[in-house]
């Protein structure tokens, strides 16, 4: 099947038609046939899988904090509505990006909404969406990184840490025991990091083990750079303590020395940032598949200038309505090194393409058949 056939497949038959070549791609996962110079990975951002009615997964939910209860119940309603139609359309579009060079499908965390109030229901929610996506993508390895919602709720963290490493072991055909883990595709290293509970020793080990990789991809739900939103501290080692600051700067330097490509989620933005500093380069792509409103399928950047970075949040408040904290000093630490910054509220699906030393990410807004924007990474 050629690319024209992929792009012209019908909405009703999209998954079946587009995945005709998926088993061959799965067999060639790690470049064992020598085709490791060029390959692709289809990517979904946050998905917040859920359904209607809310009682299917949230009948045990009982949040005593009034403002948080209100926020999360609104999220249940948002998720149920978007998973009624828009998100299935988006996933079918993503499935149509699979071709003979596609090795895997990645998901950037917040796979599910969570907040089930019961561990067994949380496990079912994880299992339901993993099985659904495996079907949608024709059995290709489906690899996810842990997000904050994935471990949110009663017994949720224990369930995720029990369920997902076993599931990732099946997807990758190798033993995964932690929520921070790594693997190679051909000469390229992929390091998946649990930003909720960073395992610095494991991350350090994975970096050393993959020294000399052609490209180093760091995959983490919370971005590596502070994001331009009210809760800007929700990023990798983003705490305010001196220990967190030291760890943040240390790993920023280690990533820069590897000219790391960071693939992230969490913010519900499509965002591109290219930064130089610490003796190297970090390029970060933040991705979202939370298609909450139809208008979020229309790509219109809020910012396309490094000077804007850190100022968009000034128009916002915290979720509980309180004023946001002044974090100018934090953003000033990063702004001078930014070579490029693009920020958009658009949701969609993405295709990472690696062709030798060249790397780019194609973005398709909503369920668009046509390429919305190409982000040149390397």
Protein backbone atom coordinates (compact mmCIF):
# COMPACT_ATOMS: atom_id res chain seq x y z
CA UNK A 1 0.00 0.00 0.00
CA UNK A 2 1.46 3.36 -0.99
CA UNK A 3 1.06 6.69 0.76
CA UNK A 4 -1.76 7.81 -1.56
CA UNK A 5 -3.82 4.80 -0.48
CA UNK A 6 -3.20 5.60 3.17
CA UNK A 7 -4.32 9.20 2.81
CA UNK A 8 -7.44 8.45 0.80
CA UNK A 9 -8.87 5.62 2.89
CA UNK A 10 -12.44 6.21 4.02
CA UNK A 11 -13.38 7.17 7.56
CA UNK A 12 -15.37 3.98 8.04
CA UNK A 13 -12.71 1.65 6.71
CA UNK A 14 -9.67 3.63 7.79
CA UNK A 15 -8.27 1.34 10.47
CA UNK A 16 -8.65 -1.84 8.47
CA UNK A 17 -7.25 -0.42 5.24
CA UNK A 18 -4.40 1.54 6.68
CA UNK A 19 -3.05 -1.24 8.85
CA UNK A 20 -2.53 -3.75 6.09
CA UNK A 21 1.24 -3.32 6.49
CA UNK A 22 1.32 -3.22 10.28
CA UNK A 23 2.44 -6.80 10.99
CA UNK A 24 5.52 -6.37 8.77
CA UNK A 25 6.34 -3.14 10.56
CA UNK A 26 6.04 -4.89 13.90
CA UNK A 27 8.37 -7.67 12.76
CA UNK A 28 10.96 -5.08 11.80
CA UNK A 29 10.64 -3.27 15.13
CA UNK A 30 14.28 -2.98 16.12
CA UNK A 31 15.76 -2.74 12.66
CA UNK A 32 16.89 -6.36 12.66
CA UNK A 33 16.60 -6.46 8.89
CA UNK A 34 19.02 -3.58 8.49
CA UNK A 35 16.32 -0.99 7.70
CA UNK A 36 17.15 1.16 10.69
CA UNK A 37 18.26 4.32 8.92
CA UNK A 38 14.67 5.31 8.21
CA UNK A 39 11.58 4.54 10.29
CA UNK A 40 8.53 6.21 11.77
CA UNK A 41 6.55 6.22 15.01
CA UNK A 42 2.93 7.34 15.20
CA UNK A 43 2.26 9.40 18.33
CA UNK A 44 -0.80 10.31 20.37
CA UNK A 45 -0.54 13.03 22.99
CA UNK A 46 -2.64 12.96 26.15
CA UNK A 47 -5.84 11.01 25.49
CA UNK A 48 -7.72 11.06 28.85
CA UNK A 49 -9.68 7.99 27.80
CA UNK A 50 -13.14 7.89 29.36
CA UNK A 51 -16.74 7.20 28.38
CA UNK A 52 -20.35 8.11 28.95
CA UNK A 53 -22.07 7.84 31.34
CA UNK A 54 -19.47 8.84 33.93
CA UNK A 55 -20.64 6.06 36.27
CA UNK A 56 -18.98 3.46 34.02
CA UNK A 57 -15.57 4.35 35.48
CA UNK A 58 -16.33 6.89 38.22
CA UNK A 59 -19.14 5.42 40.33
CA UNK A 60 -16.75 5.11 43.30
CA UNK A 61 -15.33 8.63 42.88
CA UNK A 62 -15.73 10.71 46.05
CA UNK A 63 -13.51 13.82 46.16
CA UNK A 64 -14.14 15.79 49.40
CA UNK A 65 -12.42 19.02 48.25
CA UNK A 66 -15.24 21.02 46.67
CA UNK A 67 -13.30 22.93 43.99
CA UNK A 68 -11.36 19.82 42.92
CA UNK A 69 -14.53 17.73 42.82
CA UNK A 70 -16.07 20.35 40.53
CA UNK A 71 -13.02 20.48 38.25
CA UNK A 72 -12.75 16.71 37.91
CA UNK A 73 -16.46 16.14 37.30
CA UNK A 74 -16.27 18.71 34.51
CA UNK A 75 -13.36 16.71 33.10
CA UNK A 76 -15.46 13.52 33.21
CA UNK A 77 -18.14 15.30 31.20
CA UNK A 78 -15.58 16.72 28.74
CA UNK A 79 -13.94 13.33 28.25
CA UNK A 80 -17.18 11.46 27.75
CA UNK A 81 -18.35 13.97 25.15
CA UNK A 82 -15.07 14.00 23.19
CA UNK A 83 -14.76 10.18 23.28
CA UNK A 84 -18.28 9.91 21.87
CA UNK A 85 -17.11 11.07 18.45
CA UNK A 86 -14.08 13.35 18.06
CA UNK A 87 -11.41 11.20 19.73
CA UNK A 88 -12.40 8.01 17.84
CA UNK A 89 -12.11 10.04 14.63
CA UNK A 90 -8.68 11.32 15.71
CA UNK A 91 -7.45 7.81 16.54
CA UNK A 92 -8.68 6.47 13.20
CA UNK A 93 -6.76 9.27 11.49
CA UNK A 94 -3.66 8.37 13.47
CA UNK A 95 -4.04 4.72 12.41
CA UNK A 96 -4.00 5.90 8.80
CA UNK A 97 -0.47 7.27 9.34
CA UNK A 98 0.90 3.75 9.82
CA UNK A 99 2.94 2.55 6.85
CA UNK A 100 5.58 -0.06 6.14
CA UNK A 101 8.24 1.94 8.01
CA UNK A 102 6.22 2.39 11.21
CA UNK A 103 7.81 0.55 14.13
CA UNK A 104 5.59 1.56 17.07
CA UNK A 105 2.87 3.81 18.42
CA UNK A 106 3.73 6.09 21.36
CA UNK A 107 1.33 7.78 23.78
CA UNK A 108 2.50 10.70 25.89
CA UNK A 109 0.84 9.87 29.23
CA UNK A 110 -2.54 10.63 30.79
CA UNK A 111 -3.62 7.62 28.82
CA UNK A 112 -6.77 7.54 30.97
CA UNK A 113 -8.63 10.03 33.13
CA UNK A 114 -8.24 7.94 36.28
CA UNK A 115 -10.09 9.24 39.35
CA UNK A 116 -12.01 5.97 39.58
CA UNK A 117 -12.09 5.75 43.37
CA UNK A 118 -11.45 2.01 43.16
CA UNK A 119 -8.32 0.08 42.20
CA UNK A 120 -10.03 -2.66 40.23
CA UNK A 121 -11.98 -0.14 38.18
CA UNK A 122 -8.73 1.73 37.52
CA UNK A 123 -7.14 -1.49 36.27
CA UNK A 124 -10.12 -2.13 34.00
CA UNK A 125 -9.86 1.40 32.60
CA UNK A 126 -6.19 0.83 31.75
CA UNK A 127 -6.87 -2.57 30.24
CA UNK A 128 -9.85 -1.33 28.22
CA UNK A 129 -7.95 1.45 26.50
CA UNK A 130 -4.77 -0.56 25.91
CA UNK A 131 -6.78 -3.32 24.24
CA UNK A 132 -8.74 -0.78 22.23
CA UNK A 133 -5.60 0.95 20.93
CA UNK A 134 -3.94 -2.36 20.12
CA UNK A 135 -6.90 -3.13 17.88
CA UNK A 136 -7.00 0.39 16.39
CA UNK A 137 -3.31 0.17 15.41
CA UNK A 138 -3.36 -3.38 14.07
CA UNK A 139 -1.26 -4.94 16.80
CA UNK A 140 1.74 -2.61 16.55
CA UNK A 141 3.69 -2.21 19.82
CA UNK A 142 1.87 0.48 21.80
CA UNK A 143 4.19 2.18 24.30
CA UNK A 144 3.02 4.72 26.88
CA UNK A 145 4.75 6.86 29.51
CA UNK A 146 3.14 7.40 32.90
CA UNK A 147 1.15 10.62 33.38
CA UNK A 148 -0.26 12.16 36.54
CA UNK A 149 -3.84 11.07 35.74
CA UNK A 150 -2.66 7.51 35.14
CA UNK A 151 -1.85 7.22 38.85
CA UNK A 152 -4.64 9.47 40.16
CA UNK A 153 -7.20 8.10 42.60
CA UNK A 154 -7.69 5.41 45.23
CA UNK A 155 -5.05 2.64 44.80
CA UNK A 156 -4.36 3.97 41.30
CA UNK A 157 -0.60 4.29 41.65
CA UNK A 158 -0.18 0.76 42.98
CA UNK A 159 -2.38 -0.60 40.19
CA UNK A 160 -0.50 1.27 37.45
CA UNK A 161 2.90 0.16 38.76
CA UNK A 162 1.67 -3.43 38.83
CA UNK A 163 -0.15 -3.44 35.49
CA UNK A 164 1.84 -1.27 33.11
CA UNK A 165 5.41 -2.64 33.41
CA UNK A 166 3.98 -6.09 32.65
CA UNK A 167 2.05 -4.69 29.71
CA UNK A 168 5.09 -2.81 28.40
CA UNK A 169 7.09 -6.06 28.66
CA UNK A 170 4.58 -7.64 26.29
CA UNK A 171 4.65 -4.66 23.92
CA UNK A 172 8.45 -4.47 23.75
CA UNK A 173 9.18 -8.21 24.00
CA UNK A 174 11.66 -7.59 26.80
CA UNK A 175 11.38 -7.42 30.57
CA UNK A 176 10.25 -4.02 31.89
CA UNK A 177 10.10 -3.77 35.68
CA UNK A 178 9.83 -0.02 36.27
CA UNK A 179 7.92 3.02 35.06
CA UNK A 180 11.23 4.51 33.92
CA UNK A 181 12.64 2.31 31.16
CA UNK A 182 14.44 2.38 27.84
CA UNK A 183 14.93 0.56 24.54
CA UNK A 184 16.53 1.11 21.15
CA UNK A 185 15.14 1.34 17.66
CA UNK A 186 18.15 0.59 15.51
CA UNK A 187 20.95 2.98 16.58
CA UNK A 188 18.59 5.35 18.41
CA UNK A 189 17.90 5.40 22.17
CA UNK A 190 14.45 5.96 23.66
CA UNK A 191 14.34 6.72 27.39
CA UNK A 192 10.87 6.82 28.99
CA UNK A 193 10.89 8.74 32.28
CA UNK A 194 8.32 8.73 35.11
CA UNK A 195 8.17 12.44 35.89
CA UNK A 196 5.78 11.89 38.83
CA UNK A 197 8.43 9.98 40.79
CA UNK A 198 11.76 10.45 38.98
CA UNK A 199 14.11 7.49 39.35
CA UNK A 200 17.34 9.42 38.85
CA UNK A 201 19.57 6.39 39.27
CA UNK A 202 17.69 4.51 36.55
CA UNK A 203 17.71 7.52 34.23
CA UNK A 204 21.45 7.90 34.81
CA UNK A 205 21.96 4.21 34.05
CA UNK A 206 19.96 4.40 30.83
CA UNK A 207 21.91 7.46 29.66
CA UNK A 208 25.22 5.71 30.28
CA UNK A 209 24.03 2.47 28.71
CA UNK A 210 23.02 4.28 25.51
CA UNK A 211 26.04 6.54 25.18
CA UNK A 212 26.95 6.87 21.53
CA UNK A 213 23.39 6.56 20.24
CA UNK A 214 22.73 8.32 16.95
CA UNK A 215 19.71 10.14 18.40
CA UNK A 216 18.59 10.22 22.04
CA UNK A 217 14.85 10.58 22.57
CA UNK A 218 13.67 11.44 26.08
CA UNK A 219 9.96 10.69 26.55
CA UNK A 220 8.26 12.16 29.60
CA UNK A 221 4.69 13.19 30.29
CA UNK A 222 5.58 16.42 32.07
CA UNK A 223 7.83 18.49 29.79
CA UNK A 224 11.53 19.04 30.36
CA UNK A 225 11.13 22.83 30.13
CA UNK A 226 8.72 24.72 32.41
CA UNK A 227 5.53 25.14 30.43
CA UNK A 228 3.80 28.43 29.86
CA UNK A 229 0.69 27.73 31.94
CA UNK A 230 -0.59 28.53 35.41
CA UNK A 231 0.82 25.29 36.90
CA UNK A 232 4.23 25.80 35.33
CA UNK A 233 6.01 23.68 37.96
CA UNK A 234 4.45 20.49 36.58
CA UNK A 235 7.56 19.61 34.62
CA UNK A 236 10.49 17.22 35.03
CA UNK A 237 12.16 17.96 38.39
CA UNK A 238 10.16 21.18 38.51
CA UNK A 239 9.97 21.50 42.30
CA UNK A 240 11.18 24.63 44.06
CA UNK A 241 13.55 23.01 46.57
CA UNK A 242 17.29 23.26 46.10
CA UNK A 243 17.52 19.49 45.62
CA UNK A 244 14.95 19.63 42.81
CA UNK A 245 16.65 22.63 41.24
CA UNK A 246 20.01 20.85 41.29
CA UNK A 247 18.49 17.70 39.74
CA UNK A 248 16.70 19.73 37.07
CA UNK A 249 19.86 21.53 36.03
CA UNK A 250 21.92 18.36 36.16
CA UNK A 251 19.66 16.40 33.83
CA UNK A 252 19.13 19.41 31.59
CA UNK A 253 22.90 19.48 31.13
CA UNK A 254 23.06 15.71 30.51
CA UNK A 255 20.25 15.90 27.95
CA UNK A 256 21.87 18.89 26.24
CA UNK A 257 25.18 17.06 25.95
CA UNK A 258 23.32 14.34 24.07
CA UNK A 259 21.46 16.90 21.89
CA UNK A 260 18.34 15.20 23.19
CA UNK A 261 14.96 15.24 21.47
CA UNK A 262 12.29 15.40 24.17
CA UNK A 263 8.78 14.14 23.44
CA UNK A 264 6.21 15.29 26.00
CA UNK A 265 2.54 15.77 26.85
CA UNK A 266 0.61 17.08 29.87
CA UNK A 267 -0.05 20.66 28.76
CA UNK A 268 -2.83 19.94 26.21
CA UNK A 269 -0.89 22.12 23.76
CA UNK A 270 0.95 21.46 20.55
CA UNK A 271 4.23 23.18 21.31
CA UNK A 272 7.73 23.27 19.84
CA UNK A 273 10.81 24.61 21.61
CA UNK A 274 14.42 24.51 20.42
CA UNK A 275 16.95 25.46 23.10
CA UNK A 276 20.74 25.83 23.13
CA UNK A 277 22.74 25.84 26.33
CA UNK A 278 24.72 23.71 28.79
CA UNK A 279 27.10 22.85 25.96
CA UNK A 280 24.49 21.36 23.67
CA UNK A 281 20.94 21.39 22.41
CA UNK A 282 17.51 20.21 23.55
CA UNK A 283 14.56 20.17 21.19
CA UNK A 284 11.20 19.61 22.83
CA UNK A 285 7.93 18.68 21.14
CA UNK A 286 4.85 18.72 23.35
CA UNK A 287 1.79 16.94 21.96
CA UNK A 288 -1.93 16.73 22.73
CA UNK A 289 -4.77 14.52 21.54
CA UNK A 290 -7.31 16.03 23.97
CA UNK A 291 -9.81 17.25 21.38
CA UNK A 292 -12.15 18.91 23.84
CA UNK A 293 -13.79 21.33 21.40
CA UNK A 294 -14.25 21.21 17.65
CA UNK A 295 -12.35 24.50 17.23
CA UNK A 296 -9.21 22.85 18.64
CA UNK A 297 -8.79 21.14 15.27
CA UNK A 298 -7.95 24.49 13.65
CA UNK A 299 -4.25 25.25 13.91
CA UNK A 300 -3.63 28.83 14.99
CA UNK A 301 -0.49 29.48 17.06
CA UNK A 302 -0.79 31.71 20.12
CA UNK A 303 2.93 32.43 19.90
CA UNK A 304 5.73 31.96 17.39
CA UNK A 305 8.55 33.85 19.10
CA UNK A 306 11.01 32.92 21.87
CA UNK A 307 10.42 36.31 23.50
CA UNK A 308 6.82 35.31 24.25
CA UNK A 309 7.85 32.26 26.29
CA UNK A 310 6.74 32.62 29.90
CA UNK A 311 4.27 35.47 29.29
CA UNK A 312 1.17 33.54 28.19
CA UNK A 313 0.58 32.27 31.72
CA UNK A 314 0.24 35.79 33.06
CA UNK A 315 -3.33 35.90 31.73
CA UNK A 316 -4.39 32.86 33.80
CA UNK A 317 -5.36 31.87 37.34
CA UNK A 318 -4.92 28.65 39.31
CA UNK A 319 -7.69 26.05 39.10
CA UNK A 320 -9.02 27.07 42.50
CA UNK A 321 -9.30 30.68 41.29
CA UNK A 322 -6.30 32.05 43.18
CA UNK A 323 -3.72 34.28 41.44
CA UNK A 324 -0.77 32.52 39.87
CA UNK A 325 2.70 32.88 41.35
CA UNK A 326 5.27 35.12 39.71
CA UNK A 327 7.78 32.71 38.10
CA UNK A 328 9.68 35.25 36.01
CA UNK A 329 13.06 34.10 37.33
CA UNK A 330 12.37 30.51 36.28
CA UNK A 331 11.49 31.45 32.70
CA UNK A 332 14.38 33.92 32.52
CA UNK A 333 16.70 30.95 33.07
CA UNK A 334 15.50 29.37 29.81
CA UNK A 335 14.46 32.25 27.56
CA UNK A 336 17.97 33.37 26.41
CA UNK A 337 18.73 29.89 25.05
CA UNK A 338 15.50 29.54 23.08
CA UNK A 339 16.05 29.61 19.34
CA UNK A 340 12.44 28.83 18.47
CA UNK A 341 9.13 28.68 20.35
CA UNK A 342 5.75 27.80 18.85
CA UNK A 343 2.65 27.41 21.01
CA UNK A 344 -0.82 26.33 19.90
CA UNK A 345 -3.95 24.98 21.61
CA UNK A 346 -4.56 22.59 18.72
CA UNK A 347 -5.07 18.85 19.31
CA UNK A 348 -4.40 16.06 16.85
CA UNK A 349 -2.05 13.19 16.02
CA UNK A 350 1.62 13.12 15.09
CA UNK A 351 4.14 11.13 13.10
CA UNK A 352 7.81 11.06 14.10
CA UNK A 353 10.06 10.31 11.12
CA UNK A 354 13.75 9.45 11.49
CA UNK A 355 15.75 9.36 8.27
CA UNK A 356 19.41 9.00 9.11
CA UNK A 357 20.51 12.22 10.79
CA UNK A 358 17.28 13.97 9.85
CA UNK A 359 14.30 13.96 12.23
CA UNK A 360 10.94 15.64 11.81
CA UNK A 361 7.42 15.42 13.26
CA UNK A 362 4.35 15.78 11.06
CA UNK A 363 1.27 17.15 12.81
CA UNK A 364 -2.32 16.50 11.71
CA UNK A 365 -4.82 18.71 13.54
CA UNK A 366 -8.01 16.98 14.67
CA UNK A 367 -8.75 14.26 12.13
CA UNK A 368 -7.38 16.22 9.17
CA UNK A 369 -6.44 14.19 6.12
CA UNK A 370 -3.91 16.82 5.13
CA UNK A 371 -0.62 17.67 6.83
CA UNK A 372 -1.13 20.65 9.13
CA UNK A 373 2.49 21.44 9.94
CA UNK A 374 5.91 19.83 9.76
CA UNK A 375 8.22 20.48 12.71
CA UNK A 376 11.88 20.12 11.71
CA UNK A 377 13.67 18.57 14.70
CA UNK A 378 17.12 17.70 13.29
